[in-house]
Amino acid sequence: MPDNAEPFQRISVEDADAKRQAGVPIVDTRELDEYQDGHVVDAPLMPYMSLMTRGEELEQIAGAKDAPLMFICAKGQRSAVACEFAAALGFTELYNIEGGTEAWIAAGLPTE
């Protein structure tokens, strides 16, 4: 991997929903108040700035450090940082959901 390559893949909300339906977890990296206003169905809340101290919890969500794991925020910036943090913790198959929760809701995908 080139030095400037991101340690994650950027995917659309539609691709993310297909992966979610196949059992790949989505972690919401926003803050509690944003999460309470609506989030991807079954997505646990883990604010991105807390990730570096929650590696074991993240591994329980993913099932293994080499298992696929997706991150979402409001628009895609914080979730990209979350992917970087997860990569630093040793996770290897990471996905950033482009457009975030705003795009997810706009696409009419499942929320709660």
PDB file of N, CA and C in Angstrom:
ATOM      1  N   MET A   1       0.856  -1.182   0.000  1.00  0.00           N
ATOM      2  CA  MET A   1       0.000   0.000   0.000  1.00  0.00           C
ATOM      3  C   MET A   1       0.899   1.242   0.000  1.00  0.00           C
ATOM      4  N   PRO A   2       0.661   2.182  -0.920  1.00  0.00           N
ATOM      5  CA  PRO A   2       1.473   3.403  -0.932  1.00  0.00           C
ATOM      6  C   PRO A   2       1.332   4.165   0.389  1.00  0.00           C
ATOM      7  N   ASP A   3       2.335   4.944   0.725  1.00  0.00           N
ATOM      8  CA  ASP A   3       2.330   5.680   1.990  1.00  0.00           C
ATOM      9  C   ASP A   3       1.127   6.609   2.136  1.00  0.00           C
ATOM     10  N   ASN A   4       0.643   7.150   1.020  1.00  0.00           N
ATOM     11  CA  ASN A   4      -0.466   8.107   1.092  1.00  0.00           C
ATOM     12  C   ASN A   4      -1.833   7.442   0.937  1.00  0.00           C
ATOM     13  N   ALA A   5      -1.859   6.127   0.815  1.00  0.00           N
ATOM     14  CA  ALA A   5      -3.145   5.438   0.640  1.00  0.00           C
ATOM     15  C   ALA A   5      -3.917   5.386   1.954  1.00  0.00           C
ATOM     16  N   GLU A   6      -5.213   5.531   1.848  1.00  0.00           N
ATOM     17  CA  GLU A   6      -6.066   5.413   3.033  1.00  0.00           C
ATOM     18  C   GLU A   6      -6.179   3.940   3.420  1.00  0.00           C
ATOM     19  N   PRO A   7      -6.219   3.657   4.722  1.00  0.00           N
ATOM     20  CA  PRO A   7      -6.317   2.261   5.168  1.00  0.00           C
ATOM     21  C   PRO A   7      -7.766   1.769   5.194  1.00  0.00           C
ATOM     22  N   PHE A   8      -8.599   2.369   4.345  1.00  0.00           N
ATOM     23  CA  PHE A   8     -10.011   2.005   4.291  1.00  0.00           C
ATOM     24  C   PHE A   8     -10.536   2.252   2.885  1.00  0.00           C
ATOM     25  N   GLN A   9     -11.703   1.690   2.612  1.00  0.00           N
ATOM     26  CA  GLN A   9     -12.372   1.911   1.335  1.00  0.00           C
ATOM     27  C   GLN A   9     -13.556   2.843   1.562  1.00  0.00           C
ATOM     28  N   ARG A  10     -13.790   3.711   0.595  1.00  0.00           N
ATOM     29  CA  ARG A  10     -14.949   4.605   0.639  1.00  0.00           C
ATOM     30  C   ARG A  10     -16.082   3.921  -0.125  1.00  0.00           C
ATOM     31  N   ILE A  11     -17.271   3.839   0.522  1.00  0.00           N
ATOM     32  CA  ILE A  11     -18.397   3.188  -0.138  1.00  0.00           C
ATOM     33  C   ILE A  11     -19.650   4.047  -0.034  1.00  0.00           C
ATOM     34  N   SER A  12     -20.567   3.818  -0.955  1.00  0.00           N
ATOM     35  CA  SER A  12     -21.829   4.547  -0.968  1.00  0.00           C
ATOM     36  C   SER A  12     -22.767   3.999   0.103  1.00  0.00           C
ATOM     37  N   VAL A  13     -23.798   4.757   0.418  1.00  0.00           N
ATOM     38  CA  VAL A  13     -24.778   4.277   1.393  1.00  0.00           C
ATOM     39  C   VAL A  13     -25.485   3.037   0.875  1.00  0.00           C
ATOM     40  N   GLU A  14     -25.699   2.953  -0.434  1.00  0.00           N
ATOM     41  CA  GLU A  14     -26.352   1.771  -1.001  1.00  0.00           C
ATOM     42  C   GLU A  14     -25.482   0.525  -0.838  1.00  0.00           C
ATOM     43  N   ASP A  15     -24.187   0.662  -1.113  1.00  0.00           N
ATOM     44  CA  ASP A  15     -23.268  -0.474  -0.929  1.00  0.00           C
ATOM     45  C   ASP A  15     -23.173  -0.848   0.548  1.00  0.00           C
ATOM     46  N   ALA A  16     -23.171   0.179   1.405  1.00  0.00           N
ATOM     47  CA  ALA A  16     -23.106  -0.070   2.848  1.00  0.00           C
ATOM     48  C   ALA A  16     -24.343  -0.821   3.329  1.00  0.00           C
ATOM     49  N   ASP A  17     -25.504  -0.453   2.806  1.00  0.00           N
ATOM     50  CA  ASP A  17     -26.724  -1.141   3.218  1.00  0.00           C
ATOM     51  C   ASP A  17     -26.695  -2.596   2.777  1.00  0.00           C
ATOM     52  N   ALA A  18     -26.174  -2.874   1.602  1.00  0.00           N
ATOM     53  CA  ALA A  18     -26.059  -4.261   1.133  1.00  0.00           C
ATOM     54  C   ALA A  18     -25.134  -5.048   2.063  1.00  0.00           C
ATOM     55  N   LYS A  19     -24.023  -4.435   2.459  1.00  0.00           N
ATOM     56  CA  LYS A  19     -23.105  -5.099   3.392  1.00  0.00           C
ATOM     57  C   LYS A  19     -23.778  -5.289   4.757  1.00  0.00           C
ATOM     58  N   ARG A  20     -24.535  -4.279   5.201  1.00  0.00           N
ATOM     59  CA  ARG A  20     -25.242  -4.383   6.484  1.00  0.00           C
ATOM     60  C   ARG A  20     -26.209  -5.555   6.445  1.00  0.00           C
ATOM     61  N   GLN A  21     -26.933  -5.682   5.361  1.00  0.00           N
ATOM     62  CA  GLN A  21     -27.888  -6.780   5.237  1.00  0.00           C
ATOM     63  C   GLN A  21     -27.188  -8.134   5.208  1.00  0.00           C
ATOM     64  N   ALA A  22     -25.920  -8.144   4.793  1.00  0.00           N
ATOM     65  CA  ALA A  22     -25.132  -9.381   4.769  1.00  0.00           C
ATOM     66  C   ALA A  22     -24.446  -9.639   6.116  1.00  0.00           C
ATOM     67  N   GLY A  23     -24.686  -8.733   7.085  1.00  0.00           N
ATOM     68  CA  GLY A  23     -24.156  -8.953   8.428  1.00  0.00           C
ATOM     69  C   GLY A  23     -22.938  -8.150   8.826  1.00  0.00           C
ATOM     70  N   VAL A  24     -22.488  -7.245   7.980  1.00  0.00           N
ATOM     71  CA  VAL A  24     -21.332  -6.409   8.326  1.00  0.00           C
ATOM     72  C   VAL A  24     -21.804  -5.272   9.230  1.00  0.00           C
ATOM     73  N   PRO A  25     -21.206  -5.121  10.407  1.00  0.00           N
ATOM     74  CA  PRO A  25     -21.657  -4.071  11.331  1.00  0.00           C
ATOM     75  C   PRO A  25     -21.277  -2.666  10.883  1.00  0.00           C
ATOM     76  N   ILE A  26     -22.151  -1.728  11.245  1.00  0.00           N
ATOM     77  CA  ILE A  26     -21.907  -0.302  11.035  1.00  0.00           C
ATOM     78  C   ILE A  26     -21.811   0.342  12.417  1.00  0.00           C
ATOM     79  N   VAL A  27     -20.742   1.089  12.646  1.00  0.00           N
ATOM     80  CA  VAL A  27     -20.560   1.816  13.899  1.00  0.00           C
ATOM     81  C   VAL A  27     -20.803   3.294  13.633  1.00  0.00           C
ATOM     82  N   ASP A  28     -21.683   3.896  14.428  1.00  0.00           N
ATOM     83  CA  ASP A  28     -21.985   5.326  14.312  1.00  0.00           C
ATOM     84  C   ASP A  28     -20.977   6.091  15.158  1.00  0.00           C
ATOM     85  N   THR A  29     -20.247   7.003  14.528  1.00  0.00           N
ATOM     86  CA  THR A  29     -19.156   7.709  15.211  1.00  0.00           C
ATOM     87  C   THR A  29     -19.503   9.137  15.608  1.00  0.00           C
ATOM     88  N   ARG A  30     -20.796   9.467  15.563  1.00  0.00           N
ATOM     89  CA  ARG A  30     -21.225  10.819  15.934  1.00  0.00           C
ATOM     90  C   ARG A  30     -21.330  10.937  17.454  1.00  0.00           C
ATOM     91  N   GLU A  31     -21.884  12.045  17.899  1.00  0.00           N
ATOM     92  CA  GLU A  31     -22.108  12.276  19.325  1.00  0.00           C
ATOM     93  C   GLU A  31     -23.511  11.812  19.708  1.00  0.00           C
ATOM     94  N   LEU A  32     -23.745  11.624  21.002  1.00  0.00           N
ATOM     95  CA  LEU A  32     -24.996  11.072  21.503  1.00  0.00           C
ATOM     96  C   LEU A  32     -26.227  11.836  21.021  1.00  0.00           C
ATOM     97  N   ASP A  33     -26.190  13.171  21.066  1.00  0.00           N
ATOM     98  CA  ASP A  33     -27.369  13.937  20.661  1.00  0.00           C
ATOM     99  C   ASP A  33     -27.699  13.719  19.191  1.00  0.00           C
ATOM    100  N   GLU A  34     -26.690  13.616  18.340  1.00  0.00           N
ATOM    101  CA  GLU A  34     -26.914  13.353  16.921  1.00  0.00           C
ATOM    102  C   GLU A  34     -27.504  11.953  16.732  1.00  0.00           C
ATOM    103  N   TYR A  35     -26.942  11.002  17.449  1.00  0.00           N
ATOM    104  CA  TYR A  35     -27.376   9.608  17.378  1.00  0.00           C
ATOM    105  C   TYR A  35     -28.842   9.479  17.783  1.00  0.00           C
ATOM    106  N   GLN A  36     -29.222  10.181  18.835  1.00  0.00           N
ATOM    107  CA  GLN A  36     -30.596  10.115  19.331  1.00  0.00           C
ATOM    108  C   GLN A  36     -31.597  10.707  18.340  1.00  0.00           C
ATOM    109  N   ASP A  37     -31.123  11.579  17.454  1.00  0.00           N
ATOM    110  CA  ASP A  37     -32.001  12.174  16.440  1.00  0.00           C
ATOM    111  C   ASP A  37     -32.305  11.216  15.295  1.00  0.00           C
ATOM    112  N   GLY A  38     -31.625  10.064  15.261  1.00  0.00           N
ATOM    113  CA  GLY A  38     -31.835   9.064  14.226  1.00  0.00           C
ATOM    114  C   GLY A  38     -30.523   8.478  13.762  1.00  0.00           C
ATOM    115  N   HIS A  39     -30.512   7.163  13.634  1.00  0.00           N
ATOM    116  CA  HIS A  39     -29.286   6.473  13.234  1.00  0.00           C
ATOM    117  C   HIS A  39     -29.618   5.213  12.448  1.00  0.00           C
ATOM    118  N   VAL A  40     -28.604   4.669  11.804  1.00  0.00           N
ATOM    119  CA  VAL A  40     -28.751   3.423  11.058  1.00  0.00           C
ATOM    120  C   VAL A  40     -29.247   2.346  12.007  1.00  0.00           C
ATOM    121  N   VAL A  41     -30.222   1.577  11.569  1.00  0.00           N
ATOM    122  CA  VAL A  41     -30.786   0.517  12.389  1.00  0.00           C
ATOM    123  C   VAL A  41     -29.669  -0.426  12.872  1.00  0.00           C
ATOM    124  N   ASP A  42     -29.695  -0.722  14.171  1.00  0.00           N
ATOM    125  CA  ASP A  42     -28.739  -1.632  14.818  1.00  0.00           C
ATOM    126  C   ASP A  42     -27.294  -1.128  14.900  1.00  0.00           C
ATOM    127  N   ALA A  43     -27.045   0.123  14.540  1.00  0.00           N
ATOM    128  CA  ALA A  43     -25.676   0.651  14.608  1.00  0.00           C
ATOM    129  C   ALA A  43     -25.366   1.117  16.027  1.00  0.00           C
ATOM    130  N   PRO A  44     -24.345   0.533  16.669  1.00  0.00           N
ATOM    131  CA  PRO A  44     -23.979   1.011  17.994  1.00  0.00           C
ATOM    132  C   PRO A  44     -23.301   2.381  17.910  1.00  0.00           C
ATOM    133  N   LEU A  45     -23.420   3.155  18.973  1.00  0.00           N
ATOM    134  CA  LEU A  45     -22.785   4.471  19.055  1.00  0.00           C
ATOM    135  C   LEU A  45     -21.404   4.323  19.669  1.00  0.00           C
ATOM    136  N   MET A  46     -20.412   4.895  18.980  1.00  0.00           N
ATOM    137  CA  MET A  46     -19.050   4.930  19.490  1.00  0.00           C
ATOM    138  C   MET A  46     -18.405   6.205  18.944  1.00  0.00           C
ATOM    139  N   PRO A  47     -18.576   7.342  19.651  1.00  0.00           N
ATOM    140  CA  PRO A  47     -18.007   8.600  19.147  1.00  0.00           C
ATOM    141  C   PRO A  47     -16.540   8.422  18.748  1.00  0.00           C
ATOM    142  N   TYR A  48     -16.199   8.989  17.604  1.00  0.00           N
ATOM    143  CA  TYR A  48     -14.894   8.712  17.011  1.00  0.00           C
ATOM    144  C   TYR A  48     -13.717   9.025  17.924  1.00  0.00           C
ATOM    145  N   MET A  49     -13.832  10.042  18.764  1.00  0.00           N
ATOM    146  CA  MET A  49     -12.700  10.378  19.639  1.00  0.00           C
ATOM    147  C   MET A  49     -12.517   9.365  20.775  1.00  0.00           C
ATOM    148  N   SER A  50     -13.461   8.456  20.942  1.00  0.00           N
ATOM    149  CA  SER A  50     -13.323   7.433  21.984  1.00  0.00           C
ATOM    150  C   SER A  50     -12.763   6.117  21.445  1.00  0.00           C
ATOM    151  N   LEU A  51     -12.601   6.013  20.136  1.00  0.00           N
ATOM    152  CA  LEU A  51     -12.233   4.722  19.539  1.00  0.00           C
ATOM    153  C   LEU A  51     -10.899   4.163  20.029  1.00  0.00           C
ATOM    154  N   MET A  52      -9.916   5.016  20.168  1.00  0.00           N
ATOM    155  CA  MET A  52      -8.577   4.520  20.514  1.00  0.00           C
ATOM    156  C   MET A  52      -8.550   3.823  21.870  1.00  0.00           C
ATOM    157  N   THR A  53      -9.510   4.096  22.724  1.00  0.00           N
ATOM    158  CA  THR A  53      -9.555   3.446  24.039  1.00  0.00           C
ATOM    159  C   THR A  53     -10.585   2.325  24.086  1.00  0.00           C
ATOM    160  N   ARG A  54     -11.207   2.024  22.948  1.00  0.00           N
ATOM    161  CA  ARG A  54     -12.285   1.030  22.933  1.00  0.00           C
ATOM    162  C   ARG A  54     -12.031  -0.084  21.922  1.00  0.00           C
ATOM    163  N   GLY A  55     -10.760  -0.410  21.733  1.00  0.00           N
ATOM    164  CA  GLY A  55     -10.387  -1.432  20.760  1.00  0.00           C
ATOM    165  C   GLY A  55     -11.020  -2.795  21.009  1.00  0.00           C
ATOM    166  N   GLU A  56     -11.079  -3.208  22.275  1.00  0.00           N
ATOM    167  CA  GLU A  56     -11.670  -4.514  22.583  1.00  0.00           C
ATOM    168  C   GLU A  56     -13.154  -4.519  22.255  1.00  0.00           C
ATOM    169  N   GLU A  57     -13.844  -3.441  22.580  1.00  0.00           N
ATOM    170  CA  GLU A  57     -15.271  -3.324  22.275  1.00  0.00           C
ATOM    171  C   GLU A  57     -15.498  -3.339  20.763  1.00  0.00           C
ATOM    172  N   LEU A  58     -14.629  -2.646  20.050  1.00  0.00           N
ATOM    173  CA  LEU A  58     -14.722  -2.615  18.594  1.00  0.00           C
ATOM    174  C   LEU A  58     -14.501  -4.017  18.018  1.00  0.00           C
ATOM    175  N   GLU A  59     -13.569  -4.747  18.596  1.00  0.00           N
ATOM    176  CA  GLU A  59     -13.306  -6.109  18.123  1.00  0.00           C
ATOM    177  C   GLU A  59     -14.502  -7.019  18.394  1.00  0.00           C
ATOM    178  N   GLN A  60     -15.193  -6.819  19.504  1.00  0.00           N
ATOM    179  CA  GLN A  60     -16.397  -7.598  19.790  1.00  0.00           C
ATOM    180  C   GLN A  60     -17.485  -7.298  18.760  1.00  0.00           C
ATOM    181  N   ILE A  61     -17.610  -6.043  18.363  1.00  0.00           N
ATOM    182  CA  ILE A  61     -18.607  -5.653  17.367  1.00  0.00           C
ATOM    183  C   ILE A  61     -18.277  -6.292  16.021  1.00  0.00           C
ATOM    184  N   ALA A  62     -17.010  -6.223  15.634  1.00  0.00           N
ATOM    185  CA  ALA A  62     -16.590  -6.747  14.329  1.00  0.00           C
ATOM    186  C   ALA A  62     -16.530  -8.266  14.326  1.00  0.00           C
ATOM    187  N   GLY A  63     -16.160  -8.845  15.455  1.00  0.00           N
ATOM    188  CA  GLY A  63     -15.970 -10.289  15.532  1.00  0.00           C
ATOM    189  C   GLY A  63     -14.516 -10.698  15.450  1.00  0.00           C
ATOM    190  N   ALA A  64     -13.698  -9.879  14.792  1.00  0.00           N
ATOM    191  CA  ALA A  64     -12.256 -10.122  14.668  1.00  0.00           C
ATOM    192  C   ALA A  64     -11.631  -8.889  14.031  1.00  0.00           C
ATOM    193  N   LYS A  65     -10.338  -8.715  14.234  1.00  0.00           N
ATOM    194  CA  LYS A  65      -9.681  -7.534  13.670  1.00  0.00           C
ATOM    195  C   LYS A  65      -9.581  -7.590  12.148  1.00  0.00           C
ATOM    196  N   ASP A  66      -9.701  -8.796  11.574  1.00  0.00           N
ATOM    197  CA  ASP A  66      -9.640  -8.894  10.117  1.00  0.00           C
ATOM    198  C   ASP A  66     -11.031  -9.014   9.484  1.00  0.00           C
ATOM    199  N   ALA A  67     -12.079  -8.854  10.293  1.00  0.00           N
ATOM    200  CA  ALA A  67     -13.452  -8.899   9.779  1.00  0.00           C
ATOM    201  C   ALA A  67     -13.843  -7.521   9.255  1.00  0.00           C
ATOM    202  N   PRO A  68     -14.763  -7.467   8.295  1.00  0.00           N
ATOM    203  CA  PRO A  68     -15.182  -6.160   7.767  1.00  0.00           C
ATOM    204  C   PRO A  68     -15.934  -5.335   8.808  1.00  0.00           C
ATOM    205  N   LEU A  69     -15.709  -4.026   8.753  1.00  0.00           N
ATOM    206  CA  LEU A  69     -16.311  -3.112   9.712  1.00  0.00           C
ATOM    207  C   LEU A  69     -16.532  -1.781   9.004  1.00  0.00           C
ATOM    208  N   MET A  70     -17.745  -1.235   9.148  1.00  0.00           N
ATOM    209  CA  MET A  70     -18.078   0.036   8.506  1.00  0.00           C
ATOM    210  C   MET A  70     -18.288   1.122   9.560  1.00  0.00           C
ATOM    211  N   PHE A  71     -17.965   2.349   9.178  1.00  0.00           N
ATOM    212  CA  PHE A  71     -18.150   3.499  10.048  1.00  0.00           C
ATOM    213  C   PHE A  71     -18.978   4.552   9.327  1.00  0.00           C
ATOM    214  N   ILE A  72     -19.850   5.216  10.111  1.00  0.00           N
ATOM    215  CA  ILE A  72     -20.686   6.287   9.570  1.00  0.00           C
ATOM    216  C   ILE A  72     -20.713   7.446  10.566  1.00  0.00           C
ATOM    217  N   CYS A  73     -20.820   8.667  10.033  1.00  0.00           N
ATOM    218  CA  CYS A  73     -21.014   9.841  10.889  1.00  0.00           C
ATOM    219  C   CYS A  73     -22.108  10.685  10.242  1.00  0.00           C
ATOM    220  N   ALA A  74     -22.038  11.983  10.326  1.00  0.00           N
ATOM    221  CA  ALA A  74     -23.074  12.823   9.724  1.00  0.00           C
ATOM    222  C   ALA A  74     -22.875  12.931   8.206  1.00  0.00           C
ATOM    223  N   LYS A  75     -21.624  13.189   7.785  1.00  0.00           N
ATOM    224  CA  LYS A  75     -21.350  13.409   6.359  1.00  0.00           C
ATOM    225  C   LYS A  75     -20.206  12.570   5.808  1.00  0.00           C
ATOM    226  N   GLY A  76     -19.336  12.053   6.670  1.00  0.00           N
ATOM    227  CA  GLY A  76     -18.238  11.213   6.198  1.00  0.00           C
ATOM    228  C   GLY A  76     -16.852  11.592   6.672  1.00  0.00           C
ATOM    229  N   GLN A  77     -16.713  12.745   7.345  1.00  0.00           N
ATOM    230  CA  GLN A  77     -15.391  13.161   7.798  1.00  0.00           C
ATOM    231  C   GLN A  77     -14.971  12.436   9.081  1.00  0.00           C
ATOM    232  N   ARG A  78     -15.805  12.463  10.104  1.00  0.00           N
ATOM    233  CA  ARG A  78     -15.455  11.816  11.374  1.00  0.00           C
ATOM    234  C   ARG A  78     -15.315  10.311  11.209  1.00  0.00           C
ATOM    235  N   SER A  79     -16.144   9.731  10.355  1.00  0.00           N
ATOM    236  CA  SER A  79     -16.043   8.288  10.142  1.00  0.00           C
ATOM    237  C   SER A  79     -14.747   7.929   9.419  1.00  0.00           C
ATOM    238  N   ALA A  80     -14.236   8.821   8.581  1.00  0.00           N
ATOM    239  CA  ALA A  80     -12.939   8.582   7.936  1.00  0.00           C
ATOM    240  C   ALA A  80     -11.834   8.574   8.990  1.00  0.00           C
ATOM    241  N   VAL A  81     -11.910   9.502   9.936  1.00  0.00           N
ATOM    242  CA  VAL A  81     -10.939   9.532  11.035  1.00  0.00           C
ATOM    243  C   VAL A  81     -11.081   8.254  11.877  1.00  0.00           C
ATOM    244  N   ALA A  82     -12.318   7.820  12.107  1.00  0.00           N
ATOM    245  CA  ALA A  82     -12.556   6.582  12.856  1.00  0.00           C
ATOM    246  C   ALA A  82     -11.903   5.397  12.155  1.00  0.00           C
ATOM    247  N   CYS A  83     -11.985   5.357  10.839  1.00  0.00           N
ATOM    248  CA  CYS A  83     -11.324   4.290  10.074  1.00  0.00           C
ATOM    249  C   CYS A  83      -9.812   4.332  10.304  1.00  0.00           C
ATOM    250  N   GLU A  84      -9.253   5.522  10.306  1.00  0.00           N
ATOM    251  CA  GLU A  84      -7.807   5.672  10.551  1.00  0.00           C
ATOM    252  C   GLU A  84      -7.450   5.161  11.946  1.00  0.00           C
ATOM    253  N   PHE A  85      -8.267   5.515  12.939  1.00  0.00           N
ATOM    254  CA  PHE A  85      -8.028   5.045  14.312  1.00  0.00           C
ATOM    255  C   PHE A  85      -8.132   3.524  14.381  1.00  0.00           C
ATOM    256  N   ALA A  86      -9.151   2.954  13.736  1.00  0.00           N
ATOM    257  CA  ALA A  86      -9.340   1.499  13.755  1.00  0.00           C
ATOM    258  C   ALA A  86      -8.155   0.801  13.081  1.00  0.00           C
ATOM    259  N   ALA A  87      -7.655   1.384  12.001  1.00  0.00           N
ATOM    260  CA  ALA A  87      -6.485   0.813  11.332  1.00  0.00           C
ATOM    261  C   ALA A  87      -5.284   0.827  12.272  1.00  0.00           C
ATOM    262  N   ALA A  88      -5.129   1.920  13.025  1.00  0.00           N
ATOM    263  CA  ALA A  88      -4.030   2.021  13.987  1.00  0.00           C
ATOM    264  C   ALA A  88      -4.148   0.960  15.082  1.00  0.00           C
ATOM    265  N   LEU A  89      -5.391   0.523  15.363  1.00  0.00           N
ATOM    266  CA  LEU A  89      -5.627  -0.524  16.365  1.00  0.00           C
ATOM    267  C   LEU A  89      -5.474  -1.923  15.784  1.00  0.00           C
ATOM    268  N   GLY A  90      -5.213  -2.022  14.482  1.00  0.00           N
ATOM    269  CA  GLY A  90      -4.963  -3.318  13.860  1.00  0.00           C
ATOM    270  C   GLY A  90      -6.096  -3.890  13.032  1.00  0.00           C
ATOM    271  N   PHE A  91      -7.178  -3.139  12.867  1.00  0.00           N
ATOM    272  CA  PHE A  91      -8.285  -3.610  12.025  1.00  0.00           C
ATOM    273  C   PHE A  91      -7.885  -3.434  10.558  1.00  0.00           C
ATOM    274  N   THR A  92      -8.295  -4.382   9.725  1.00  0.00           N
ATOM    275  CA  THR A  92      -7.762  -4.390   8.360  1.00  0.00           C
ATOM    276  C   THR A  92      -8.785  -4.230   7.246  1.00  0.00           C
ATOM    277  N   GLU A  93     -10.059  -4.531   7.485  1.00  0.00           N
ATOM    278  CA  GLU A  93     -11.057  -4.395   6.420  1.00  0.00           C
ATOM    279  C   GLU A  93     -12.074  -3.339   6.835  1.00  0.00           C
ATOM    280  N   LEU A  94     -11.751  -2.096   6.494  1.00  0.00           N
ATOM    281  CA  LEU A  94     -12.512  -0.951   6.973  1.00  0.00           C
ATOM    282  C   LEU A  94     -13.186  -0.208   5.828  1.00  0.00           C
ATOM    283  N   TYR A  95     -14.385   0.288   6.126  1.00  0.00           N
ATOM    284  CA  TYR A  95     -15.167   1.008   5.123  1.00  0.00           C
ATOM    285  C   TYR A  95     -15.711   2.300   5.726  1.00  0.00           C
ATOM    286  N   ASN A  96     -15.553   3.395   4.968  1.00  0.00           N
ATOM    287  CA  ASN A  96     -16.121   4.678   5.357  1.00  0.00           C
ATOM    288  C   ASN A  96     -17.341   4.935   4.480  1.00  0.00           C
ATOM    289  N   ILE A  97     -18.480   5.188   5.100  1.00  0.00           N
ATOM    290  CA  ILE A  97     -19.720   5.409   4.366  1.00  0.00           C
ATOM    291  C   ILE A  97     -19.790   6.870   3.940  1.00  0.00           C
ATOM    292  N   GLU A  98     -19.618   7.090   2.646  1.00  0.00           N
ATOM    293  CA  GLU A  98     -19.593   8.432   2.084  1.00  0.00           C
ATOM    294  C   GLU A  98     -20.969   9.094   2.181  1.00  0.00           C
ATOM    295  N   GLY A  99     -20.972  10.354   2.561  1.00  0.00           N
ATOM    296  CA  GLY A  99     -22.221  11.099   2.689  1.00  0.00           C
ATOM    297  C   GLY A  99     -22.871  10.931   4.051  1.00  0.00           C
ATOM    298  N   GLY A 100     -22.428   9.915   4.802  1.00  0.00           N
ATOM    299  CA  GLY A 100     -22.861   9.715   6.168  1.00  0.00           C
ATOM    300  C   GLY A 100     -24.353   9.497   6.358  1.00  0.00           C
ATOM    301  N   THR A 101     -24.785   9.781   7.582  1.00  0.00           N
ATOM    302  CA  THR A 101     -26.177   9.559   7.962  1.00  0.00           C
ATOM    303  C   THR A 101     -27.122  10.436   7.144  1.00  0.00           C
ATOM    304  N   GLU A 102     -26.666  11.628   6.768  1.00  0.00           N
ATOM    305  CA  GLU A 102     -27.511  12.497   5.939  1.00  0.00           C
ATOM    306  C   GLU A 102     -27.853  11.806   4.628  1.00  0.00           C
ATOM    307  N   ALA A 103     -26.858  11.220   3.963  1.00  0.00           N
ATOM    308  CA  ALA A 103     -27.092  10.518   2.696  1.00  0.00           C
ATOM    309  C   ALA A 103     -27.903   9.247   2.928  1.00  0.00           C
ATOM    310  N   TRP A 104     -27.652   8.576   4.043  1.00  0.00           N
ATOM    311  CA  TRP A 104     -28.381   7.346   4.381  1.00  0.00           C
ATOM    312  C   TRP A 104     -29.889   7.642   4.490  1.00  0.00           C
ATOM    313  N   ILE A 105     -30.218   8.676   5.248  1.00  0.00           N
ATOM    314  CA  ILE A 105     -31.623   9.050   5.439  1.00  0.00           C
ATOM    315  C   ILE A 105     -32.229   9.538   4.122  1.00  0.00           C
ATOM    316  N   ALA A 106     -31.467  10.332   3.367  1.00  0.00           N
ATOM    317  CA  ALA A 106     -31.958  10.849   2.080  1.00  0.00           C
ATOM    318  C   ALA A 106     -32.272   9.703   1.108  1.00  0.00           C
ATOM    319  N   ALA A 107     -31.530   8.608   1.218  1.00  0.00           N
ATOM    320  CA  ALA A 107     -31.746   7.440   0.348  1.00  0.00           C
ATOM    321  C   ALA A 107     -32.898   6.574   0.828  1.00  0.00           C
ATOM    322  N   GLY A 108     -33.455   6.912   1.992  1.00  0.00           N
ATOM    323  CA  GLY A 108     -34.594   6.151   2.519  1.00  0.00           C
ATOM    324  C   GLY A 108     -34.206   4.806   3.112  1.00  0.00           C
ATOM    325  N   LEU A 109     -32.953   4.696   3.541  1.00  0.00           N
ATOM    326  CA  LEU A 109     -32.475   3.427   4.116  1.00  0.00           C
ATOM    327  C   LEU A 109     -32.902   3.314   5.584  1.00  0.00           C
ATOM    328  N   PRO A 110     -32.895   2.099   6.155  1.00  0.00           N
ATOM    329  CA  PRO A 110     -33.456   1.871   7.490  1.00  0.00           C
ATOM    330  C   PRO A 110     -32.748   2.626   8.617  1.00  0.00           C
ATOM    331  N   THR A 111     -33.556   3.359   9.373  1.00  0.00           N
ATOM    332  CA  THR A 111     -33.045   4.083  10.546  1.00  0.00           C
ATOM    333  C   THR A 111     -33.953   3.803  11.733  1.00  0.00           C
ATOM    334  N   GLU A 112     -33.453   4.184  12.892  1.00  0.00           N
ATOM    335  CA  GLU A 112     -34.277   4.093  14.105  1.00  0.00           C
ATOM    336  C   GLU A 112     -33.985   5.273  15.000  1.00  0.00           C
TER     337      GLU A 112
END
